[in-house]
Amino acid sequence: MGIFQITTDKRRLDIDVIYRFLCNEAYWSRGIPREVVERAIEGSLCFGGYLDGRQVAFARVVTDGATFGYLADVFVVPAHRGQGHAKTLMAAIMAHPRLQGLRRFSLATSDAHGLYAGFGFAAPASPRSLMERLDPDIYTRTPDQP
């Protein structure tokens, strides 16, 4: 097993790996169009995780770099899970200079609460103050469906 390396250099991102995972494997983005993935990457601080030069992990943070951050699209490809890569990736994210001193750093997860709790994430202190506009089927509807 090689050394797991993390970088924010977008030129190293393997868009094919990211797109395939988000479109076909991630429960939160099934069916997402490639152009949407590319736009999301363009507008985010991205973290790629690599073994022997091949991308095996990804995460992105939408942030203003001063007050707010939203962690999204965190994954390790299935063949490389269970080796601590998600924790290493999260440690790198939490240590990144642009993400220090944020008043609010949020995320949404259905299955990784334990991972994120280890980095200080918890249920919202004031859930009644949070609102969202959610369209969970946006990527799977045909264009003629409302």
Foldseek 3Di string as FASTA:
>chain_A
DADKDKDQPPVLDDLVVLCCCQQPPDLQRHLPDSVVVVVVSVQWRKMFIDGPSDTFWIKTWRDPLAAEIEIDSTDGHPVPPPPCPSLVRVVCVCPDNSPPPHNYYYYDDDPPVVSVVVVPDDPDPCVVVDDDDDDRCVSPDDPVDD
